[in-house]
Amino acid sequence: SIWATFAGSQRPDWLRLDGVTCVVDTEQIF
């Protein structure tokens, strides 16, 4: 839902979605 708010036709015309970065705890992911 967060991505949809700022992507495609939903994106306000004063913003550019530069990217989505995900931080992962490599040791604890599983």
All heavy atoms as atom14 arrays in JSON, in Angstrom:
{
  "sequence": "SIWATFAGSQRPDWLRLDGVTCVVDTEQIF",
  "atom14_mask": [
    [1, 1, 1, 1, 1, 1, 0, 0, 0, 0, 0, 0, 0, 0],
    [1, 1, 1, 1, 1, 1, 1, 1, 0, 0, 0, 0, 0, 0],
    [1, 1, 1, 1, 1, 1, 1, 1, 1, 1, 1, 1, 1, 1],
    [1, 1, 1, 1, 1, 0, 0, 0, 0, 0, 0, 0, 0, 0],
    [1, 1, 1, 1, 1, 1, 1, 0, 0, 0, 0, 0, 0, 0],
    [1, 1, 1, 1, 1, 1, 1, 1, 1, 1, 1, 0, 0, 0],
    [1, 1, 1, 1, 1, 0, 0, 0, 0, 0, 0, 0, 0, 0],
    [1, 1, 1, 1, 0, 0, 0, 0, 0, 0, 0, 0, 0, 0],
    [1, 1, 1, 1, 1, 1, 0, 0, 0, 0, 0, 0, 0, 0],
    [1, 1, 1, 1, 1, 1, 1, 1, 1, 0, 0, 0, 0, 0],
    [1, 1, 1, 1, 1, 1, 1, 1, 1, 1, 1, 0, 0, 0],
    [1, 1, 1, 1, 1, 1, 1, 0, 0, 0, 0, 0, 0, 0],
    [1, 1, 1, 1, 1, 1, 1, 1, 0, 0, 0, 0, 0, 0],
    [1, 1, 1, 1, 1, 1, 1, 1, 1, 1, 1, 1, 1, 1],
    [1, 1, 1, 1, 1, 1, 1, 1, 0, 0, 0, 0, 0, 0],
    [1, 1, 1, 1, 1, 1, 1, 1, 1, 1, 1, 0, 0, 0],
    [1, 1, 1, 1, 1, 1, 1, 1, 0, 0, 0, 0, 0, 0],
    [1, 1, 1, 1, 1, 1, 1, 1, 0, 0, 0, 0, 0, 0],
    [1, 1, 1, 1, 0, 0, 0, 0, 0, 0, 0, 0, 0, 0],
    [1, 1, 1, 1, 1, 1, 1, 0, 0, 0, 0, 0, 0, 0],
    [1, 1, 1, 1, 1, 1, 1, 0, 0, 0, 0, 0, 0, 0],
    [1, 1, 1, 1, 1, 1, 0, 0, 0, 0, 0, 0, 0, 0],
    [1, 1, 1, 1, 1, 1, 1, 0, 0, 0, 0, 0, 0, 0],
    [1, 1, 1, 1, 1, 1, 1, 0, 0, 0, 0, 0, 0, 0],
    [1, 1, 1, 1, 1, 1, 1, 1, 0, 0, 0, 0, 0, 0],
    [1, 1, 1, 1, 1, 1, 1, 0, 0, 0, 0, 0, 0, 0],
    [1, 1, 1, 1, 1, 1, 1, 1, 1, 0, 0, 0, 0, 0],
    [1, 1, 1, 1, 1, 1, 1, 1, 1, 0, 0, 0, 0, 0],
    [1, 1, 1, 1, 1, 1, 1, 1, 0, 0, 0, 0, 0, 0],
    [1, 1, 1, 1, 1, 1, 1, 1, 1, 1, 1, 0, 0, 0]
  ],
  "atom14_positions": [
    [[0.82, -1.21, 0.0], [0.0, 0.0, 0.0], [0.85, 1.26, 0.0], [0.49, 2.26, -0.61], [-0.93, 0.0, 1.22], [-0.18, -0.05, 2.43], [0.0, 0.0, 0.0], [0.0, 0.0, 0.0], [0.0, 0.0, 0.0], [0.0, 0.0, 0.0], [0.0, 0.0, 0.0], [0.0, 0.0, 0.0], [0.0, 0.0, 0.0], [0.0, 0.0, 0.0]],
    [[1.99, 1.22, 0.69], [2.88, 2.38, 0.71], [3.44, 2.61, -0.69], [3.47, 3.75, -1.19], [4.03, 2.17, 1.71], [3.46, 2.02, 3.12], [5.02, 3.33, 1.66], [4.49, 1.66, 4.16], [0.0, 0.0, 0.0], [0.0, 0.0, 0.0], [0.0, 0.0, 0.0], [0.0, 0.0, 0.0], [0.0, 0.0, 0.0], [0.0, 0.0, 0.0]],
    [[3.88, 1.52, -1.32], [4.42, 1.64, -2.67], [3.37, 2.18, -3.63], [3.65, 3.06, -4.45], [4.91, 0.27, -3.13], [5.5, 0.25, -4.52], [6.77, 0.54, -4.87], [4.81, -0.08, -5.72], [6.94, 0.4, -6.23], [5.74, 0.03, -6.78], [3.49, -0.46, -6.01], [5.41, -0.23, -8.11], [3.16, -0.72, -7.34], [4.11, -0.6, -8.36]],
    [[2.13, 1.69, -3.52], [1.07, 2.12, -4.42], [0.75, 3.6, -4.25], [0.36, 4.27, -5.21], [-0.19, 1.29, -4.17], [0.0, 0.0, 0.0], [0.0, 0.0, 0.0], [0.0, 0.0, 0.0], [0.0, 0.0, 0.0], [0.0, 0.0, 0.0], [0.0, 0.0, 0.0], [0.0, 0.0, 0.0], [0.0, 0.0, 0.0], [0.0, 0.0, 0.0]],
    [[0.92, 4.13, -3.03], [0.63, 5.53, -2.78], [1.54, 6.45, -3.59], [1.13, 7.53, -4.01], [0.8, 5.86, -1.28], [-0.08, 5.03, -0.52], [0.5, 7.32, -0.98], [0.0, 0.0, 0.0], [0.0, 0.0, 0.0], [0.0, 0.0, 0.0], [0.0, 0.0, 0.0], [0.0, 0.0, 0.0], [0.0, 0.0, 0.0], [0.0, 0.0, 0.0]],
    [[2.76, 6.01, -3.84], [3.73, 6.88, -4.48], [4.2, 6.36, -5.84], [5.2, 6.83, -6.37], [4.95, 7.06, -3.57], [4.62, 7.7, -2.26], [4.56, 6.94, -1.1], [4.35, 9.05, -2.19], [4.25, 7.53, 0.12], [4.03, 9.65, -0.98], [3.98, 8.89, 0.17], [0.0, 0.0, 0.0], [0.0, 0.0, 0.0], [0.0, 0.0, 0.0]],
    [[3.5, 5.41, -6.41], [3.9, 4.84, -7.7], [2.77, 4.93, -8.71], [1.59, 5.01, -8.36], [4.32, 3.38, -7.52], [0.0, 0.0, 0.0], [0.0, 0.0, 0.0], [0.0, 0.0, 0.0], [0.0, 0.0, 0.0], [0.0, 0.0, 0.0], [0.0, 0.0, 0.0], [0.0, 0.0, 0.0], [0.0, 0.0, 0.0], [0.0, 0.0, 0.0]],
    [[3.13, 4.91, -9.97], [2.14, 4.87, -11.04], [1.2, 6.05, -11.02], [1.58, 7.19, -10.74], [0.0, 0.0, 0.0], [0.0, 0.0, 0.0], [0.0, 0.0, 0.0], [0.0, 0.0, 0.0], [0.0, 0.0, 0.0], [0.0, 0.0, 0.0], [0.0, 0.0, 0.0], [0.0, 0.0, 0.0], [0.0, 0.0, 0.0], [0.0, 0.0, 0.0]],
    [[-0.06, 5.8, -11.32], [-1.05, 6.87, -11.41], [-1.37, 7.48, -10.06], [-1.94, 8.56, -9.98], [-2.34, 6.33, -12.05], [-2.88, 5.28, -11.24], [0.0, 0.0, 0.0], [0.0, 0.0, 0.0], [0.0, 0.0, 0.0], [0.0, 0.0, 0.0], [0.0, 0.0, 0.0], [0.0, 0.0, 0.0], [0.0, 0.0, 0.0], [0.0, 0.0, 0.0]],
    [[-1.01, 6.77, -8.96], [-1.28, 7.3, -7.63], [-0.27, 8.36, -7.2], [-0.51, 9.12, -6.28], [-1.26, 6.15, -6.61], [-2.26, 5.05, -6.88], [-3.69, 5.53, -6.71], [-3.97, 6.31, -5.83], [-4.57, 5.06, -7.58], [0.0, 0.0, 0.0], [0.0, 0.0, 0.0], [0.0, 0.0, 0.0], [0.0, 0.0, 0.0], [0.0, 0.0, 0.0]],
    [[0.88, 8.4, -7.87], [1.96, 9.28, -7.43], [1.6, 10.74, -7.65], [1.2, 11.14, -8.73], [3.24, 8.95, -8.2], [4.43, 9.85, -7.83], [5.64, 9.51, -8.66], [5.38, 9.64, -10.08], [5.38, 10.8, -10.74], [5.6, 11.92, -10.1], [5.14, 10.81, -12.03], [0.0, 0.0, 0.0], [0.0, 0.0, 0.0], [0.0, 0.0, 0.0]],
    [[1.78, 11.58, -6.62], [1.56, 13.02, -6.79], [2.53, 13.58, -7.83], [3.65, 13.09, -7.98], [1.84, 13.6, -5.39], [1.71, 12.43, -4.46], [2.14, 11.23, -5.24], [0.0, 0.0, 0.0], [0.0, 0.0, 0.0], [0.0, 0.0, 0.0], [0.0, 0.0, 0.0], [0.0, 0.0, 0.0], [0.0, 0.0, 0.0], [0.0, 0.0, 0.0]],
    [[2.11, 14.63, -8.54], [2.94, 15.14, -9.62], [4.1, 16.0, -9.14], [4.85, 16.54, -9.94], [2.09, 15.93, -10.63], [1.32, 17.07, -9.98], [1.59, 17.37, -8.8], [0.47, 17.66, -10.67], [0.0, 0.0, 0.0], [0.0, 0.0, 0.0], [0.0, 0.0, 0.0], [0.0, 0.0, 0.0], [0.0, 0.0, 0.0], [0.0, 0.0, 0.0]],
    [[4.26, 16.11, -7.8], [5.4, 16.86, -7.28], [6.45, 15.95, -6.66], [7.4, 16.41, -6.04], [4.97, 17.92, -6.25], [3.72, 17.6, -5.49], [2.46, 18.07, -5.74], [3.59, 16.76, -4.32], [1.57, 17.56, -4.84], [2.22, 16.77, -3.95], [4.49, 16.01, -3.58], [1.75, 16.04, -2.86], [4.03, 15.29, -2.5], [2.66, 15.31, -2.15]],
    [[6.3, 14.64, -6.86], [7.25, 13.67, -6.32], [7.78, 12.76, -7.41], [7.09, 12.47, -8.38], [6.6, 12.8, -5.25], [6.48, 13.31, -3.81], [5.82, 12.25, -2.96], [7.83, 13.7, -3.23], [0.0, 0.0, 0.0], [0.0, 0.0, 0.0], [0.0, 0.0, 0.0], [0.0, 0.0, 0.0], [0.0, 0.0, 0.0], [0.0, 0.0, 0.0]],
    [[9.0, 12.27, -7.22], [9.56, 11.21, -8.05], [10.0, 10.09, -7.13], [10.8, 10.3, -6.22], [10.77, 11.72, -8.85], [11.49, 10.62, -9.64], [12.62, 11.18, -10.49], [13.68, 11.77, -9.69], [14.66, 11.09, -9.13], [14.69, 9.75, -9.23], [15.6, 11.7, -8.44], [0.0, 0.0, 0.0], [0.0, 0.0, 0.0], [0.0, 0.0, 0.0]],
    [[9.45, 8.89, -7.32], [9.83, 7.75, -6.49], [11.23, 7.31, -6.91], [11.42, 6.68, -7.94], [8.83, 6.61, -6.66], [9.09, 5.36, -5.81], [9.21, 5.72, -4.33], [7.97, 4.34, -6.01], [0.0, 0.0, 0.0], [0.0, 0.0, 0.0], [0.0, 0.0, 0.0], [0.0, 0.0, 0.0], [0.0, 0.0, 0.0], [0.0, 0.0, 0.0]],
    [[12.22, 7.67, -6.1], [13.61, 7.41, -6.45], [13.96, 5.94, -6.27], [14.74, 5.39, -7.04], [14.53, 8.27, -5.56], [15.99, 8.15, -5.94], [16.33, 8.59, -7.06], [16.78, 7.62, -5.15], [0.0, 0.0, 0.0], [0.0, 0.0, 0.0], [0.0, 0.0, 0.0], [0.0, 0.0, 0.0], [0.0, 0.0, 0.0], [0.0, 0.0, 0.0]],
    [[13.39, 5.3, -5.26], [13.68, 3.9, -5.06], [13.14, 3.39, -3.74], [12.77, 4.16, -2.86], [0.0, 0.0, 0.0], [0.0, 0.0, 0.0], [0.0, 0.0, 0.0], [0.0, 0.0, 0.0], [0.0, 0.0, 0.0], [0.0, 0.0, 0.0], [0.0, 0.0, 0.0], [0.0, 0.0, 0.0], [0.0, 0.0, 0.0], [0.0, 0.0, 0.0]],
    [[13.08, 2.07, -3.63], [12.65, 1.4, -2.41], [13.83, 0.57, -1.91], [14.33, -0.3, -2.62], [11.43, 0.49, -2.64], [10.98, -0.15, -1.33], [10.28, 1.29, -3.26], [0.0, 0.0, 0.0], [0.0, 0.0, 0.0], [0.0, 0.0, 0.0], [0.0, 0.0, 0.0], [0.0, 0.0, 0.0], [0.0, 0.0, 0.0], [0.0, 0.0, 0.0]],
    [[14.27, 0.86, -0.68], [15.4, 0.15, -0.08], [14.9, -0.69, 1.1], [14.19, -0.18, 1.96], [16.48, 1.13, 0.42], [16.97, 1.87, -0.7], [17.63, 0.39, 1.08], [0.0, 0.0, 0.0], [0.0, 0.0, 0.0], [0.0, 0.0, 0.0], [0.0, 0.0, 0.0], [0.0, 0.0, 0.0], [0.0, 0.0, 0.0], [0.0, 0.0, 0.0]],
    [[15.25, -1.96, 1.12], [14.86, -2.86, 2.2], [16.1, -3.27, 2.99], [17.06, -3.77, 2.42], [14.15, -4.1, 1.65], [13.67, -5.3, 2.92], [0.0, 0.0, 0.0], [0.0, 0.0, 0.0], [0.0, 0.0, 0.0], [0.0, 0.0, 0.0], [0.0, 0.0, 0.0], [0.0, 0.0, 0.0], [0.0, 0.0, 0.0], [0.0, 0.0, 0.0]],
    [[16.05, -3.07, 4.32], [17.14, -3.47, 5.2], [16.79, -4.83, 5.8], [15.69, -5.01, 6.35], [17.38, -2.44, 6.31], [18.59, -2.84, 7.16], [17.61, -1.05, 5.71], [0.0, 0.0, 0.0], [0.0, 0.0, 0.0], [0.0, 0.0, 0.0], [0.0, 0.0, 0.0], [0.0, 0.0, 0.0], [0.0, 0.0, 0.0], [0.0, 0.0, 0.0]],
    [[17.71, -5.78, 5.73], [17.48, -7.15, 6.2], [18.49, -7.49, 7.29], [19.69, -7.22, 7.14], [17.62, -8.15, 5.03], [17.57, -9.59, 5.53], [16.54, -7.91, 3.99], [0.0, 0.0, 0.0], [0.0, 0.0, 0.0], [0.0, 0.0, 0.0], [0.0, 0.0, 0.0], [0.0, 0.0, 0.0], [0.0, 0.0, 0.0], [0.0, 0.0, 0.0]],
    [[18.01, -8.07, 8.38], [18.9, -8.62, 9.41], [19.37, -9.98, 8.9], [18.66, -10.98, 9.02], [18.14, -8.76, 10.74], [19.04, -9.25, 11.88], [20.1, -9.84, 11.59], [18.66, -9.07, 13.04], [0.0, 0.0, 0.0], [0.0, 0.0, 0.0], [0.0, 0.0, 0.0], [0.0, 0.0, 0.0], [0.0, 0.0, 0.0], [0.0, 0.0, 0.0]],
    [[20.56, -10.01, 8.35], [21.05, -11.23, 7.7], [21.13, -12.4, 8.67], [20.84, -13.55, 8.3], [22.43, -10.97, 7.07], [22.39, -9.76, 6.31], [22.84, -12.12, 6.17], [0.0, 0.0, 0.0], [0.0, 0.0, 0.0], [0.0, 0.0, 0.0], [0.0, 0.0, 0.0], [0.0, 0.0, 0.0], [0.0, 0.0, 0.0], [0.0, 0.0, 0.0]],
    [[21.5, -12.13, 9.9], [21.67, -13.19, 10.89], [20.34, -13.77, 11.33], [20.22, -14.97, 11.59], [22.43, -12.66, 12.1], [22.71, -13.73, 13.15], [23.26, -13.14, 14.45], [22.92, -12.0, 14.77], [24.02, -13.85, 15.14], [0.0, 0.0, 0.0], [0.0, 0.0, 0.0], [0.0, 0.0, 0.0], [0.0, 0.0, 0.0], [0.0, 0.0, 0.0]],
    [[19.29, -12.93, 11.42], [18.04, -13.34, 12.04], [16.87, -13.51, 11.07], [15.75, -13.75, 11.51], [17.62, -12.29, 13.09], [18.63, -12.06, 14.2], [18.71, -13.23, 15.17], [17.74, -13.96, 15.35], [19.88, -13.41, 15.78], [0.0, 0.0, 0.0], [0.0, 0.0, 0.0], [0.0, 0.0, 0.0], [0.0, 0.0, 0.0], [0.0, 0.0, 0.0]],
    [[17.12, -13.42, 9.78], [16.0, -13.41, 8.84], [15.15, -14.66, 8.9], [13.94, -14.62, 8.69], [16.52, -13.18, 7.39], [15.33, -12.99, 6.44], [17.43, -14.3, 6.95], [15.73, -12.57, 5.05], [0.0, 0.0, 0.0], [0.0, 0.0, 0.0], [0.0, 0.0, 0.0], [0.0, 0.0, 0.0], [0.0, 0.0, 0.0], [0.0, 0.0, 0.0]],
    [[15.74, -15.8, 9.22], [14.97, -17.05, 9.25], [14.61, -17.49, 10.67], [14.16, -18.62, 10.88], [15.76, -18.17, 8.56], [16.01, -17.91, 7.1], [17.31, -17.91, 6.59], [14.96, -17.67, 6.22], [17.56, -17.69, 5.25], [15.2, -17.43, 4.88], [16.5, -17.43, 4.39], [0.0, 0.0, 0.0], [0.0, 0.0, 0.0], [0.0, 0.0, 0.0]]
  ]
}
